[in-house]
Each structure stands twice: as structure tokens, then as C-alpha cells.
């Protein structure tokens, strides 16, 4: 029921956008959505072989490439904090059986 309601609202918004005149888009910024999508894809591909620590940090850095305004010093600090938080939250606080480090380091 919720899906049908969401579909109907999306169709209504699309129809309203087609029949009303408005300002034209000058250009579409592809960089942000591209790097966020690549970040999600890289996380899904690397979580099993590389573990949570490496894949979460790499995913955060790839997503940070989505804007030219990235300040790398702050980005790396936030990425480390996010990775430490995820490493404590998922396996320990939530009890999820996630591998933290790459397989070749733990064997």
C-alpha cells in the first residue's frame, strides 16, 4: 500500500513538472552521484575480502571524492572516527558477525 502511494505521488510530481513552465537546468552535476554510487558499490564488493575496517574507510574516501570542496585533513580524521565507530557498533554493540580485518591478516 505504501509503495503504491509513493508511486502515485511520484507520478503526480512528474506530471506537475511536465505541464508547468520553469527555469531550465543549466547542467547536471554528475560527480556527486557518481562517486557516492561508486562508494556504495566498492563497499559491497570489498566488505567480505577486506573486512569492515578497510572497506568502510575506503568507501568514505571514495564518497568524499564527490565534491571538489573536500578538505582532506578533516576528511581523513572523520573517516577514521567513522570507521572506529562502525567497528565498535556492528560487531560488539549489535552483535553482528562481521569480519573486521582482511582475511589474509587474520589467518
PDB file of N, CA and C in Angstrom:
ATOM      1  N   UNK A   1       0.823  -1.182   0.000  1.00  0.00           N
ATOM      2  CA  UNK A   1       0.000   0.000   0.000  1.00  0.00           C
ATOM      3  C   UNK A   1       0.880   1.263   0.000  1.00  0.00           C
ATOM      4  N   UNK A   2       1.945   1.227   0.826  1.00  0.00           N
ATOM      5  CA  UNK A   2       2.841   2.374   0.865  1.00  0.00           C
ATOM      6  C   UNK A   2       3.555   2.565  -0.469  1.00  0.00           C
ATOM      7  N   UNK A   3       3.935   1.468  -1.101  1.00  0.00           N
ATOM      8  CA  UNK A   3       4.597   1.549  -2.396  1.00  0.00           C
ATOM      9  C   UNK A   3       3.704   2.151  -3.467  1.00  0.00           C
ATOM     10  N   UNK A   4       2.444   1.765  -3.447  1.00  0.00           N
ATOM     11  CA  UNK A   4       1.510   2.318  -4.426  1.00  0.00           C
ATOM     12  C   UNK A   4       1.280   3.810  -4.174  1.00  0.00           C
ATOM     13  N   UNK A   5       1.189   4.203  -2.908  1.00  0.00           N
ATOM     14  CA  UNK A   5       1.041   5.613  -2.571  1.00  0.00           C
ATOM     15  C   UNK A   5       2.260   6.413  -3.020  1.00  0.00           C
ATOM     16  N   UNK A   6       3.435   5.858  -2.794  1.00  0.00           N
ATOM     17  CA  UNK A   6       4.663   6.518  -3.221  1.00  0.00           C
ATOM     18  C   UNK A   6       4.754   6.611  -4.744  1.00  0.00           C
ATOM     19  N   UNK A   7       4.328   5.570  -5.426  1.00  0.00           N
ATOM     20  CA  UNK A   7       4.308   5.578  -6.887  1.00  0.00           C
ATOM     21  C   UNK A   7       3.344   6.640  -7.410  1.00  0.00           C
ATOM     22  N   UNK A   8       2.177   6.736  -6.798  1.00  0.00           N
ATOM     23  CA  UNK A   8       1.197   7.737  -7.206  1.00  0.00           C
ATOM     24  C   UNK A   8       1.688   9.161  -6.977  1.00  0.00           C
ATOM     25  N   UNK A   9       2.320   9.395  -5.830  1.00  0.00           N
ATOM     26  CA  UNK A   9       2.854  10.728  -5.556  1.00  0.00           C
ATOM     27  C   UNK A   9       3.997  11.083  -6.508  1.00  0.00           C
ATOM     28  N   UNK A  10       4.843  10.103  -6.817  1.00  0.00           N
ATOM     29  CA  UNK A  10       5.917  10.346  -7.773  1.00  0.00           C
ATOM     30  C   UNK A  10       5.389  10.680  -9.155  1.00  0.00           C
ATOM     31  N   UNK A  11       4.345   9.972  -9.577  1.00  0.00           N
ATOM     32  CA  UNK A  11       3.728  10.259 -10.874  1.00  0.00           C
ATOM     33  C   UNK A  11       3.099  11.645 -10.879  1.00  0.00           C
ATOM     34  N   UNK A  12       2.483  12.039  -9.761  1.00  0.00           N
ATOM     35  CA  UNK A  12       1.868  13.368  -9.680  1.00  0.00           C
ATOM     36  C   UNK A  12       2.920  14.468  -9.752  1.00  0.00           C
ATOM     37  N   UNK A  13       4.043  14.275  -9.078  1.00  0.00           N
ATOM     38  CA  UNK A  13       5.115  15.272  -9.123  1.00  0.00           C
ATOM     39  C   UNK A  13       5.718  15.341 -10.524  1.00  0.00           C
ATOM     40  N   UNK A  14       5.911  14.188 -11.162  1.00  0.00           N
ATOM     41  CA  UNK A  14       6.456  14.178 -12.527  1.00  0.00           C
ATOM     42  C   UNK A  14       5.501  14.860 -13.498  1.00  0.00           C
ATOM     43  N   UNK A  15       4.215  14.602 -13.367  1.00  0.00           N
ATOM     44  CA  UNK A  15       3.224  15.232 -14.235  1.00  0.00           C
ATOM     45  C   UNK A  15       3.181  16.742 -14.024  1.00  0.00           C
ATOM     46  N   UNK A  16       3.241  17.179 -12.764  1.00  0.00           N
ATOM     47  CA  UNK A  16       3.264  18.616 -12.482  1.00  0.00           C
ATOM     48  C   UNK A  16       4.519  19.271 -13.059  1.00  0.00           C
ATOM     49  N   UNK A  17       5.627  18.571 -13.031  1.00  0.00           N
ATOM     50  CA  UNK A  17       6.850  19.115 -13.610  1.00  0.00           C
ATOM     51  C   UNK A  17       6.804  19.207 -15.120  1.00  0.00           C
ATOM     52  N   UNK A  18       6.072  18.305 -15.755  1.00  0.00           N
ATOM     53  CA  UNK A  18       5.975  18.328 -17.212  1.00  0.00           C
ATOM     54  C   UNK A  18       5.027  19.397 -17.723  1.00  0.00           C
ATOM     55  N   UNK A  19       3.979  19.711 -16.987  1.00  0.00           N
ATOM     56  CA  UNK A  19       2.983  20.644 -17.501  1.00  0.00           C
ATOM     57  C   UNK A  19       3.220  22.089 -17.067  1.00  0.00           C
ATOM     58  N   UNK A  20       4.100  22.347 -16.151  1.00  0.00           N
ATOM     59  CA  UNK A  20       4.366  23.728 -15.726  1.00  0.00           C
ATOM     60  C   UNK A  20       5.694  24.200 -16.305  1.00  0.00           C
ATOM     61  N   UNK A  21       5.749  25.481 -16.595  1.00  0.00           N
ATOM     62  CA  UNK A  21       6.984  26.069 -17.100  1.00  0.00           C
ATOM     63  C   UNK A  21       7.837  26.525 -15.924  1.00  0.00           C
ATOM     64  N   UNK A  22       9.118  26.381 -16.078  1.00  0.00           N
ATOM     65  CA  UNK A  22      10.037  26.787 -15.029  1.00  0.00           C
ATOM     66  C   UNK A  22      11.414  27.037 -15.615  1.00  0.00           C
ATOM     67  N   UNK A  23      12.327  27.366 -14.762  1.00  0.00           N
ATOM     68  CA  UNK A  23      13.701  27.616 -15.205  1.00  0.00           C
ATOM     69  C   UNK A  23      14.334  26.316 -15.689  1.00  0.00           C
ATOM     70  N   UNK A  24      15.082  26.408 -16.764  1.00  0.00           N
ATOM     71  CA  UNK A  24      15.770  25.253 -17.304  1.00  0.00           C
ATOM     72  C   UNK A  24      17.022  24.965 -16.489  1.00  0.00           C
ATOM     73  N   UNK A  25      17.343  23.698 -16.385  1.00  0.00           N
ATOM     74  CA  UNK A  25      18.582  23.326 -15.712  1.00  0.00           C
ATOM     75  C   UNK A  25      19.759  23.674 -16.614  1.00  0.00           C
ATOM     76  N   UNK A  26      20.730  24.372 -16.058  1.00  0.00           N
ATOM     77  CA  UNK A  26      21.904  24.737 -16.853  1.00  0.00           C
ATOM     78  C   UNK A  26      22.746  23.496 -17.122  1.00  0.00           C
ATOM     79  N   UNK A  27      23.005  22.737 -16.098  1.00  0.00           N
ATOM     80  CA  UNK A  27      23.752  21.493 -16.248  1.00  0.00           C
ATOM     81  C   UNK A  27      23.487  20.635 -15.026  1.00  0.00           C
ATOM     82  N   UNK A  28      23.799  19.391 -15.144  1.00  0.00           N
ATOM     83  CA  UNK A  28      23.593  18.462 -14.031  1.00  0.00           C
ATOM     84  C   UNK A  28      24.957  18.042 -13.513  1.00  0.00           C
ATOM     85  N   UNK A  29      25.139  18.103 -12.224  1.00  0.00           N
ATOM     86  CA  UNK A  29      26.413  17.717 -11.624  1.00  0.00           C
ATOM     87  C   UNK A  29      26.433  16.198 -11.436  1.00  0.00           C
ATOM     88  N   UNK A  30      27.221  15.523 -12.241  1.00  0.00           N
ATOM     89  CA  UNK A  30      27.311  14.065 -12.196  1.00  0.00           C
ATOM     90  C   UNK A  30      28.326  13.564 -11.183  1.00  0.00           C
ATOM     91  N   UNK A  31      29.218  14.418 -10.758  1.00  0.00           N
ATOM     92  CA  UNK A  31      30.323  13.962  -9.915  1.00  0.00           C
ATOM     93  C   UNK A  31      29.844  13.404  -8.576  1.00  0.00           C
ATOM     94  N   UNK A  32      28.954  14.101  -7.897  1.00  0.00           N
ATOM     95  CA  UNK A  32      28.475  13.652  -6.593  1.00  0.00           C
ATOM     96  C   UNK A  32      27.770  12.307  -6.642  1.00  0.00           C
ATOM     97  N   UNK A  33      26.708  12.179  -7.446  1.00  0.00           N
ATOM     98  CA  UNK A  33      26.024  10.884  -7.521  1.00  0.00           C
ATOM     99  C   UNK A  33      26.912   9.748  -8.027  1.00  0.00           C
ATOM    100  N   UNK A  34      27.841  10.056  -8.925  1.00  0.00           N
ATOM    101  CA  UNK A  34      28.734   9.027  -9.443  1.00  0.00           C
ATOM    102  C   UNK A  34      29.625   8.470  -8.341  1.00  0.00           C
ATOM    103  N   UNK A  35      30.269   9.342  -7.565  1.00  0.00           N
ATOM    104  CA  UNK A  35      31.192   8.864  -6.545  1.00  0.00           C
ATOM    105  C   UNK A  35      30.475   8.247  -5.349  1.00  0.00           C
ATOM    106  N   UNK A  36      29.276   8.721  -5.028  1.00  0.00           N
ATOM    107  CA  UNK A  36      28.510   8.073  -3.952  1.00  0.00           C
ATOM    108  C   UNK A  36      28.082   6.679  -4.393  1.00  0.00           C
ATOM    109  N   UNK A  37      27.667   6.535  -5.645  1.00  0.00           N
ATOM    110  CA  UNK A  37      27.301   5.212  -6.166  1.00  0.00           C
ATOM    111  C   UNK A  37      28.515   4.288  -6.199  1.00  0.00           C
ATOM    112  N   UNK A  38      29.663   4.807  -6.621  1.00  0.00           N
ATOM    113  CA  UNK A  38      30.887   4.007  -6.610  1.00  0.00           C
ATOM    114  C   UNK A  38      31.288   3.621  -5.196  1.00  0.00           C
ATOM    115  N   UNK A  39      31.051   4.499  -4.255  1.00  0.00           N
ATOM    116  CA  UNK A  39      31.355   4.213  -2.859  1.00  0.00           C
ATOM    117  C   UNK A  39      30.504   3.061  -2.336  1.00  0.00           C
ATOM    118  N   UNK A  40      29.224   3.088  -2.626  1.00  0.00           N
ATOM    119  CA  UNK A  40      28.335   2.001  -2.202  1.00  0.00           C
ATOM    120  C   UNK A  40      28.729   0.692  -2.862  1.00  0.00           C
ATOM    121  N   UNK A  41      29.031   0.755  -4.147  1.00  0.00           N
ATOM    122  CA  UNK A  41      29.446  -0.439  -4.876  1.00  0.00           C
ATOM    123  C   UNK A  41      30.757  -1.000  -4.336  1.00  0.00           C
ATOM    124  N   UNK A  42      31.718  -0.139  -4.065  1.00  0.00           N
ATOM    125  CA  UNK A  42      33.004  -0.611  -3.538  1.00  0.00           C
ATOM    126  C   UNK A  42      32.845  -1.220  -2.150  1.00  0.00           C
ATOM    127  N   UNK A  43      31.967  -0.649  -1.325  1.00  0.00           N
ATOM    128  CA  UNK A  43      31.734  -1.235  -0.008  1.00  0.00           C
ATOM    129  C   UNK A  43      31.153  -2.632  -0.130  1.00  0.00           C
ATOM    130  N   UNK A  44      30.184  -2.796  -1.026  1.00  0.00           N
ATOM    131  CA  UNK A  44      29.548  -4.103  -1.172  1.00  0.00           C
ATOM    132  C   UNK A  44      30.504  -5.153  -1.734  1.00  0.00           C
ATOM    133  N   UNK A  45      31.443  -4.722  -2.556  1.00  0.00           N
ATOM    134  CA  UNK A  45      32.388  -5.669  -3.149  1.00  0.00           C
ATOM    135  C   UNK A  45      33.533  -6.008  -2.187  1.00  0.00           C
ATOM    136  N   UNK A  46      33.947  -5.057  -1.358  1.00  0.00           N
ATOM    137  CA  UNK A  46      35.138  -5.265  -0.523  1.00  0.00           C
ATOM    138  C   UNK A  46      34.855  -5.659   0.917  1.00  0.00           C
ATOM    139  N   UNK A  47      33.610  -5.689   1.366  1.00  0.00           N
ATOM    140  CA  UNK A  47      33.338  -5.976   2.770  1.00  0.00           C
ATOM    141  C   UNK A  47      33.761  -7.390   3.159  1.00  0.00           C
ATOM    142  N   UNK A  48      33.549  -8.372   2.325  1.00  0.00           N
ATOM    143  CA  UNK A  48      33.942  -9.748   2.687  1.00  0.00           C
ATOM    144  C   UNK A  48      35.441  -9.995   2.583  1.00  0.00           C
ATOM    145  N   UNK A  49      36.094  -9.671   1.474  1.00  0.00           N
ATOM    146  CA  UNK A  49      37.530  -9.989   1.421  1.00  0.00           C
ATOM    147  C   UNK A  49      38.405  -9.051   2.250  1.00  0.00           C
ATOM    148  N   UNK A  50      38.038  -7.778   2.408  1.00  0.00           N
ATOM    149  CA  UNK A  50      38.902  -6.822   3.096  1.00  0.00           C
ATOM    150  C   UNK A  50      38.463  -6.490   4.516  1.00  0.00           C
ATOM    151  N   UNK A  51      37.267  -6.861   4.896  1.00  0.00           N
ATOM    152  CA  UNK A  51      36.796  -6.593   6.247  1.00  0.00           C
ATOM    153  C   UNK A  51      36.173  -5.211   6.384  1.00  0.00           C
ATOM    154  N   UNK A  52      35.573  -4.991   7.552  1.00  0.00           N
ATOM    155  CA  UNK A  52      34.826  -3.764   7.795  1.00  0.00           C
ATOM    156  C   UNK A  52      35.719  -2.542   7.883  1.00  0.00           C
ATOM    157  N   UNK A  53      36.878  -2.667   8.504  1.00  0.00           N
ATOM    158  CA  UNK A  53      37.742  -1.509   8.717  1.00  0.00           C
ATOM    159  C   UNK A  53      38.215  -0.920   7.388  1.00  0.00           C
ATOM    160  N   UNK A  54      38.761  -1.743   6.542  1.00  0.00           N
ATOM    161  CA  UNK A  54      39.301  -1.266   5.265  1.00  0.00           C
ATOM    162  C   UNK A  54      38.183  -0.803   4.335  1.00  0.00           C
ATOM    163  N   UNK A  55      37.115  -1.590   4.242  1.00  0.00           N
ATOM    164  CA  UNK A  55      36.061  -1.240   3.292  1.00  0.00           C
ATOM    165  C   UNK A  55      35.286   0.004   3.730  1.00  0.00           C
ATOM    166  N   UNK A  56      35.060   0.198   5.029  1.00  0.00           N
ATOM    167  CA  UNK A  56      34.349   1.399   5.484  1.00  0.00           C
ATOM    168  C   UNK A  56      35.177   2.654   5.240  1.00  0.00           C
ATOM    169  N   UNK A  57      36.471   2.584   5.539  1.00  0.00           N
ATOM    170  CA  UNK A  57      37.324   3.753   5.323  1.00  0.00           C
ATOM    171  C   UNK A  57      37.462   4.070   3.838  1.00  0.00           C
ATOM    172  N   UNK A  58      37.672   3.045   3.019  1.00  0.00           N
ATOM    173  CA  UNK A  58      37.803   3.260   1.573  1.00  0.00           C
ATOM    174  C   UNK A  58      36.491   3.805   0.984  1.00  0.00           C
ATOM    175  N   UNK A  59      35.386   3.297   1.454  1.00  0.00           N
ATOM    176  CA  UNK A  59      34.094   3.777   0.973  1.00  0.00           C
ATOM    177  C   UNK A  59      33.885   5.249   1.316  1.00  0.00           C
ATOM    178  N   UNK A  60      34.278   5.636   2.521  1.00  0.00           N
ATOM    179  CA  UNK A  60      34.140   7.031   2.926  1.00  0.00           C
ATOM    180  C   UNK A  60      35.022   7.945   2.073  1.00  0.00           C
ATOM    181  N   UNK A  61      36.231   7.526   1.793  1.00  0.00           N
ATOM    182  CA  UNK A  61      37.154   8.330   0.981  1.00  0.00           C
ATOM    183  C   UNK A  61      36.645   8.445  -0.453  1.00  0.00           C
ATOM    184  N   UNK A  62      36.116   7.371  -1.007  1.00  0.00           N
ATOM    185  CA  UNK A  62      35.577   7.426  -2.365  1.00  0.00           C
ATOM    186  C   UNK A  62      34.384   8.375  -2.424  1.00  0.00           C
ATOM    187  N   UNK A  63      33.531   8.331  -1.417  1.00  0.00           N
ATOM    188  CA  UNK A  63      32.385   9.247  -1.389  1.00  0.00           C
ATOM    189  C   UNK A  63      32.844  10.694  -1.249  1.00  0.00           C
ATOM    190  N   UNK A  64      33.943  10.924  -0.555  1.00  0.00           N
ATOM    191  CA  UNK A  64      34.461  12.287  -0.390  1.00  0.00           C
ATOM    192  C   UNK A  64      34.989  12.862  -1.696  1.00  0.00           C
ATOM    193  N   UNK A  65      35.311  12.020  -2.648  1.00  0.00           N
ATOM    194  CA  UNK A  65      35.767  12.496  -3.952  1.00  0.00           C
ATOM    195  C   UNK A  65      34.634  13.136  -4.757  1.00  0.00           C
ATOM    196  N   UNK A  66      33.411  13.037  -4.260  1.00  0.00           N
ATOM    197  CA  UNK A  66      32.248  13.549  -4.978  1.00  0.00           C
ATOM    198  C   UNK A  66      32.147  15.055  -5.022  1.00  0.00           C
ATOM    199  N   UNK A  67      32.946  15.754  -4.259  1.00  0.00           N
ATOM    200  CA  UNK A  67      32.909  17.216  -4.289  1.00  0.00           C
ATOM    201  C   UNK A  67      34.326  17.770  -4.392  1.00  0.00           C
ATOM    202  N   UNK A  68      34.507  18.828  -5.142  1.00  0.00           N
ATOM    203  CA  UNK A  68      35.848  19.426  -5.224  1.00  0.00           C
ATOM    204  C   UNK A  68      36.194  20.240  -3.966  1.00  0.00           C
ATOM    205  N   UNK A  69      35.230  20.427  -3.076  1.00  0.00           N
ATOM    206  CA  UNK A  69      35.453  21.224  -1.869  1.00  0.00           C
ATOM    207  C   UNK A  69      35.969  20.392  -0.696  1.00  0.00           C
ATOM    208  N   UNK A  70      36.366  19.153  -0.946  1.00  0.00           N
ATOM    209  CA  UNK A  70      36.820  18.269   0.109  1.00  0.00           C
ATOM    210  C   UNK A  70      38.113  18.786   0.716  1.00  0.00           C
ATOM    211  N   UNK A  71      38.122  18.893   2.046  1.00  0.00           N
ATOM    212  CA  UNK A  71      39.343  19.209   2.787  1.00  0.00           C
ATOM    213  C   UNK A  71      39.868  17.883   3.321  1.00  0.00           C
ATOM    214  N   UNK A  72      40.999  17.438   2.801  1.00  0.00           N
ATOM    215  CA  UNK A  72      41.454  16.076   3.013  1.00  0.00           C
ATOM    216  C   UNK A  72      41.874  15.794   4.447  1.00  0.00           C
ATOM    217  N   UNK A  73      42.435  16.757   5.120  1.00  0.00           N
ATOM    218  CA  UNK A  73      42.847  16.528   6.503  1.00  0.00           C
ATOM    219  C   UNK A  73      41.619  16.196   7.364  1.00  0.00           C
ATOM    220  N   UNK A  74      40.570  17.013   7.251  1.00  0.00           N
ATOM    221  CA  UNK A  74      39.352  16.779   8.010  1.00  0.00           C
ATOM    222  C   UNK A  74      38.639  15.514   7.547  1.00  0.00           C
ATOM    223  N   UNK A  75      38.688  15.243   6.258  1.00  0.00           N
ATOM    224  CA  UNK A  75      38.033  14.059   5.719  1.00  0.00           C
ATOM    225  C   UNK A  75      38.663  12.784   6.262  1.00  0.00           C
ATOM    226  N   UNK A  76      39.973  12.742   6.340  1.00  0.00           N
ATOM    227  CA  UNK A  76      40.656  11.556   6.859  1.00  0.00           C
ATOM    228  C   UNK A  76      40.365  11.378   8.345  1.00  0.00           C
ATOM    229  N   UNK A  77      40.328  12.472   9.109  1.00  0.00           N
ATOM    230  CA  UNK A  77      40.018  12.383  10.542  1.00  0.00           C
ATOM    231  C   UNK A  77      38.596  11.862  10.738  1.00  0.00           C
ATOM    232  N   UNK A  78      37.639  12.412  10.004  1.00  0.00           N
ATOM    233  CA  UNK A  78      36.249  11.953  10.119  1.00  0.00           C
ATOM    234  C   UNK A  78      36.128  10.506   9.639  1.00  0.00           C
ATOM    235  N   UNK A  79      36.846  10.147   8.588  1.00  0.00           N
ATOM    236  CA  UNK A  79      36.823   8.768   8.103  1.00  0.00           C
ATOM    237  C   UNK A  79      37.340   7.784   9.133  1.00  0.00           C
ATOM    238  N   UNK A  80      38.398   8.146   9.837  1.00  0.00           N
ATOM    239  CA  UNK A  80      38.936   7.284  10.893  1.00  0.00           C
ATOM    240  C   UNK A  80      37.931   7.162  12.033  1.00  0.00           C
ATOM    241  N   UNK A  81      37.345   8.280  12.435  1.00  0.00           N
ATOM    242  CA  UNK A  81      36.343   8.245  13.519  1.00  0.00           C
ATOM    243  C   UNK A  81      35.131   7.409  13.123  1.00  0.00           C
ATOM    244  N   UNK A  82      34.675   7.562  11.895  1.00  0.00           N
ATOM    245  CA  UNK A  82      33.542   6.777  11.405  1.00  0.00           C
ATOM    246  C   UNK A  82      33.882   5.295  11.370  1.00  0.00           C
ATOM    247  N   UNK A  83      35.066   4.955  10.936  1.00  0.00           N
ATOM    248  CA  UNK A  83      35.485   3.561  10.866  1.00  0.00           C
ATOM    249  C   UNK A  83      35.582   2.953  12.257  1.00  0.00           C
ATOM    250  N   UNK A  84      36.147   3.682  13.207  1.00  0.00           N
ATOM    251  CA  UNK A  84      36.225   3.187  14.585  1.00  0.00           C
ATOM    252  C   UNK A  84      34.825   3.005  15.161  1.00  0.00           C
ATOM    253  N   UNK A  85      33.938   3.968  14.905  1.00  0.00           N
ATOM    254  CA  UNK A  85      32.567   3.848  15.383  1.00  0.00           C
ATOM    255  C   UNK A  85      31.856   2.645  14.800  1.00  0.00           C
ATOM    256  N   UNK A  86      32.004   2.421  13.503  1.00  0.00           N
ATOM    257  CA  UNK A  86      31.384   1.252  12.862  1.00  0.00           C
ATOM    258  C   UNK A  86      31.984  -0.045  13.377  1.00  0.00           C
ATOM    259  N   UNK A  87      33.291  -0.035  13.630  1.00  0.00           N
ATOM    260  CA  UNK A  87      33.967  -1.234  14.122  1.00  0.00           C
ATOM    261  C   UNK A  87      33.529  -1.592  15.536  1.00  0.00           C
ATOM    262  N   UNK A  88      33.139  -0.612  16.315  1.00  0.00           N
ATOM    263  CA  UNK A  88      32.631  -0.888  17.656  1.00  0.00           C
ATOM    264  C   UNK A  88      31.134  -1.191  17.646  1.00  0.00           C
ATOM    265  N   UNK A  89      30.406  -0.500  16.814  1.00  0.00           N
ATOM    266  CA  UNK A  89      28.955  -0.632  16.807  1.00  0.00           C
ATOM    267  C   UNK A  89      28.481  -1.981  16.276  1.00  0.00           C
ATOM    268  N   UNK A  90      28.887  -2.333  15.082  1.00  0.00           N
ATOM    269  CA  UNK A  90      28.309  -3.506  14.433  1.00  0.00           C
ATOM    270  C   UNK A  90      28.700  -4.834  15.083  1.00  0.00           C
ATOM    271  N   UNK A  91      29.981  -5.140  15.281  1.00  0.00           N
ATOM    272  CA  UNK A  91      30.275  -6.448  15.865  1.00  0.00           C
ATOM    273  C   UNK A  91      30.046  -6.523  17.382  1.00  0.00           C
ATOM    274  N   UNK A  92      30.294  -5.449  18.099  1.00  0.00           N
ATOM    275  CA  UNK A  92      30.242  -5.517  19.556  1.00  0.00           C
ATOM    276  C   UNK A  92      28.903  -5.055  20.123  1.00  0.00           C
ATOM    277  N   UNK A  93      28.425  -3.888  19.763  1.00  0.00           N
ATOM    278  CA  UNK A  93      27.178  -3.372  20.324  1.00  0.00           C
ATOM    279  C   UNK A  93      25.956  -4.106  19.748  1.00  0.00           C
ATOM    280  N   UNK A  94      25.974  -4.384  18.452  1.00  0.00           N
ATOM    281  CA  UNK A  94      24.836  -5.056  17.820  1.00  0.00           C
ATOM    282  C   UNK A  94      25.012  -6.563  17.703  1.00  0.00           C
ATOM    283  N   UNK A  95      26.224  -7.045  17.904  1.00  0.00           N
ATOM    284  CA  UNK A  95      26.480  -8.476  17.862  1.00  0.00           C
ATOM    285  C   UNK A  95      26.435  -9.087  16.478  1.00  0.00           C
ATOM    286  N   UNK A  96      26.667  -8.300  15.443  1.00  0.00           N
ATOM    287  CA  UNK A  96      26.652  -8.833  14.080  1.00  0.00           C
ATOM    288  C   UNK A  96      27.988  -9.521  13.780  1.00  0.00           C
ATOM    289  N   UNK A  97      27.949 -10.662  13.127  1.00  0.00           N
ATOM    290  CA  UNK A  97      29.181 -11.406  12.855  1.00  0.00           C
ATOM    291  C   UNK A  97      29.946 -10.843  11.662  1.00  0.00           C
ATOM    292  N   UNK A  98      30.521  -9.670  11.822  1.00  0.00           N
ATOM    293  CA  UNK A  98      31.285  -9.053  10.736  1.00  0.00           C
ATOM    294  C   UNK A  98      32.773  -9.225  10.992  1.00  0.00           C
ATOM    295  N   UNK A  99      33.480  -9.501   9.935  1.00  0.00           N
ATOM    296  CA  UNK A  99      34.929  -9.601   9.989  1.00  0.00           C
ATOM    297  C   UNK A  99      35.499  -8.186   9.964  1.00  0.00           C
ATOM    298  N   UNK A 100      36.382  -7.861  10.909  1.00  0.00           N
ATOM    299  CA  UNK A 100      36.901  -6.502  10.988  1.00  0.00           C
ATOM    300  C   UNK A 100      38.076  -6.250  10.052  1.00  0.00           C
ATOM    301  N   UNK A 101      38.949  -7.215   9.909  1.00  0.00           N
ATOM    302  CA  UNK A 101      40.178  -7.019   9.138  1.00  0.00           C
ATOM    303  C   UNK A 101      40.219  -7.977   7.958  1.00  0.00           C
ATOM    304  N   UNK A 102      41.109  -7.722   6.984  1.00  0.00           N
ATOM    305  CA  UNK A 102      41.203  -8.615   5.818  1.00  0.00           C
ATOM    306  C   UNK A 102      41.511 -10.049   6.211  1.00  0.00           C
ATOM    307  N   UNK A 103      41.027 -10.958   5.402  1.00  0.00           N
ATOM    308  CA  UNK A 103      41.209 -12.395   5.690  1.00  0.00           C
ATOM    309  C   UNK A 103      42.674 -12.786   5.756  1.00  0.00           C
ATOM    310  N   UNK A 104      43.495 -12.242   4.899  1.00  0.00           N
ATOM    311  CA  UNK A 104      44.894 -12.644   4.873  1.00  0.00           C
ATOM    312  C   UNK A 104      45.645 -12.156   6.110  1.00  0.00           C
ATOM    313  N   UNK A 105      45.127 -11.194   6.843  1.00  0.00           N
ATOM    314  CA  UNK A 105      45.755 -10.759   8.088  1.00  0.00           C
ATOM    315  C   UNK A 105      45.284 -11.547   9.291  1.00  0.00           C
ATOM    316  N   UNK A 106      44.094 -12.123   9.210  1.00  0.00           N
ATOM    317  CA  UNK A 106      43.541 -12.852  10.360  1.00  0.00           C
ATOM    318  C   UNK A 106      43.820 -14.345  10.315  1.00  0.00           C
ATOM    319  N   UNK A 107      44.316 -14.859   9.226  1.00  0.00           N
ATOM    320  CA  UNK A 107      44.577 -16.303   9.131  1.00  0.00           C
ATOM    321  C   UNK A 107      45.985 -16.638   9.506  1.00  0.00           C
TER     322      UNK A 107
END
